[in-house]
Amino acid sequence: MSTYTAFAQDMWLATGSRDHIVQTLRDLPELPKSSDLLVFDDESGRQIDFDLRSAASEPGAGPG
């Protein structure tokens, strides 16, 4: 299982599974700049992006 680590500016937020990181980031208050939020793949060290929109806001997710 892949693990990830998230930071807001220079503060560590969480380390864990994709679902754990996404939920942690969704629970944060809105940041002034999205670039203040960084997530890294723990295995490769690469910076990655997660889609933080809720499932309800994704096309086709609601009643239709």
C-alpha atoms as a PDB file:
ATOM      1  CA  MET A   1       0.000   0.000   0.000  1.00  0.00           C
ATOM      2  CA  SER A   2       1.324   3.430  -0.929  1.00  0.00           C
ATOM      3  CA  THR A   3       1.685   6.082   1.729  1.00  0.00           C
ATOM      4  CA  TYR A   4       1.827   9.830   1.396  1.00  0.00           C
ATOM      5  CA  THR A   5       2.868  12.791   3.549  1.00  0.00           C
ATOM      6  CA  ALA A   6       1.130  16.168   3.479  1.00  0.00           C
ATOM      7  CA  PHE A   7       2.409  19.580   4.544  1.00  0.00           C
ATOM      8  CA  ALA A   8       0.839  23.044   4.788  1.00  0.00           C
ATOM      9  CA  GLN A   9       3.631  25.570   4.349  1.00  0.00           C
ATOM     10  CA  ASP A  10       6.356  24.184   6.658  1.00  0.00           C
ATOM     11  CA  MET A  11       3.992  22.264   8.974  1.00  0.00           C
ATOM     12  CA  TRP A  12       3.557  18.481   8.788  1.00  0.00           C
ATOM     13  CA  LEU A  13      -0.134  17.549   8.555  1.00  0.00           C
ATOM     14  CA  ALA A  14      -0.428  13.801   8.084  1.00  0.00           C
ATOM     15  CA  THR A  15       1.154  10.618   6.799  1.00  0.00           C
ATOM     16  CA  GLY A  16      -0.917   7.693   5.601  1.00  0.00           C
ATOM     17  CA  SER A  17      -3.032   6.207   2.854  1.00  0.00           C
ATOM     18  CA  ARG A  18      -4.498   8.256   0.009  1.00  0.00           C
ATOM     19  CA  ASP A  19      -7.939   8.222   1.660  1.00  0.00           C
ATOM     20  CA  HIS A  20      -6.497   9.395   4.983  1.00  0.00           C
ATOM     21  CA  ILE A  21      -4.576  12.248   3.350  1.00  0.00           C
ATOM     22  CA  VAL A  22      -7.542  13.357   1.232  1.00  0.00           C
ATOM     23  CA  GLN A  23      -9.865  13.424   4.256  1.00  0.00           C
ATOM     24  CA  THR A  24      -7.282  15.320   6.331  1.00  0.00           C
ATOM     25  CA  LEU A  25      -6.889  17.926   3.594  1.00  0.00           C
ATOM     26  CA  ARG A  26     -10.651  18.274   3.135  1.00  0.00           C
ATOM     27  CA  ASP A  27     -11.010  18.934   6.871  1.00  0.00           C
ATOM     28  CA  LEU A  28      -8.552  21.853   6.783  1.00  0.00           C
ATOM     29  CA  PRO A  29      -9.750  25.441   6.713  1.00  0.00           C
ATOM     30  CA  GLU A  30      -9.229  27.061   3.324  1.00  0.00           C
ATOM     31  CA  LEU A  31      -5.631  28.157   2.769  1.00  0.00           C
ATOM     32  CA  PRO A  32      -4.793  31.575   1.293  1.00  0.00           C
ATOM     33  CA  LYS A  33      -2.808  29.919  -1.534  1.00  0.00           C
ATOM     34  CA  SER A  34      -3.178  26.402  -2.868  1.00  0.00           C
ATOM     35  CA  SER A  35       0.592  26.334  -3.356  1.00  0.00           C
ATOM     36  CA  ASP A  36       0.922  26.309   0.462  1.00  0.00           C
ATOM     37  CA  LEU A  37      -0.289  22.693   0.388  1.00  0.00           C
ATOM     38  CA  LEU A  38       2.159  19.949  -0.620  1.00  0.00           C
ATOM     39  CA  VAL A  39       1.730  16.164  -0.762  1.00  0.00           C
ATOM     40  CA  PHE A  40       4.567  13.720  -1.399  1.00  0.00           C
ATOM     41  CA  ASP A  41       4.617  10.045  -2.306  1.00  0.00           C
ATOM     42  CA  ASP A  42       6.687   8.491   0.500  1.00  0.00           C
ATOM     43  CA  GLU A  43       8.214   5.825  -1.730  1.00  0.00           C
ATOM     44  CA  SER A  44       9.387   8.005  -4.626  1.00  0.00           C
ATOM     45  CA  GLY A  45       9.622  11.385  -2.888  1.00  0.00           C
ATOM     46  CA  ARG A  46       7.726  12.963  -5.783  1.00  0.00           C
ATOM     47  CA  GLN A  47       5.218  15.729  -5.195  1.00  0.00           C
ATOM     48  CA  ILE A  48       1.722  14.665  -6.216  1.00  0.00           C
ATOM     49  CA  ASP A  49      -1.743  16.179  -6.508  1.00  0.00           C
ATOM     50  CA  PHE A  50      -5.017  14.759  -5.210  1.00  0.00           C
ATOM     51  CA  ASP A  51      -8.455  15.861  -6.365  1.00  0.00           C
ATOM     52  CA  LEU A  52     -10.048  17.158  -3.142  1.00  0.00           C
ATOM     53  CA  ARG A  53     -13.510  17.765  -4.580  1.00  0.00           C
ATOM     54  CA  SER A  54     -16.173  15.746  -2.842  1.00  0.00           C
ATOM     55  CA  ALA A  55     -17.798  12.899  -4.745  1.00  0.00           C
ATOM     56  CA  ALA A  56     -21.058  14.877  -4.778  1.00  0.00           C
ATOM     57  CA  SER A  57     -19.409  17.657  -6.813  1.00  0.00           C
ATOM     58  CA  GLU A  58     -18.024  15.318  -9.478  1.00  0.00           C
ATOM     59  CA  PRO A  59     -19.970  15.023 -12.742  1.00  0.00           C
ATOM     60  CA  GLY A  60     -22.278  12.039 -12.805  1.00  0.00           C
ATOM     61  CA  ALA A  61     -22.092  11.479  -9.052  1.00  0.00           C
ATOM     62  CA  GLY A  62     -25.527  12.784  -8.216  1.00  0.00           C
ATOM     63  CA  PRO A  63     -29.036  11.747  -9.186  1.00  0.00           C
ATOM     64  CA  GLY A  64     -29.664  12.333 -12.791  1.00  0.00           C
END
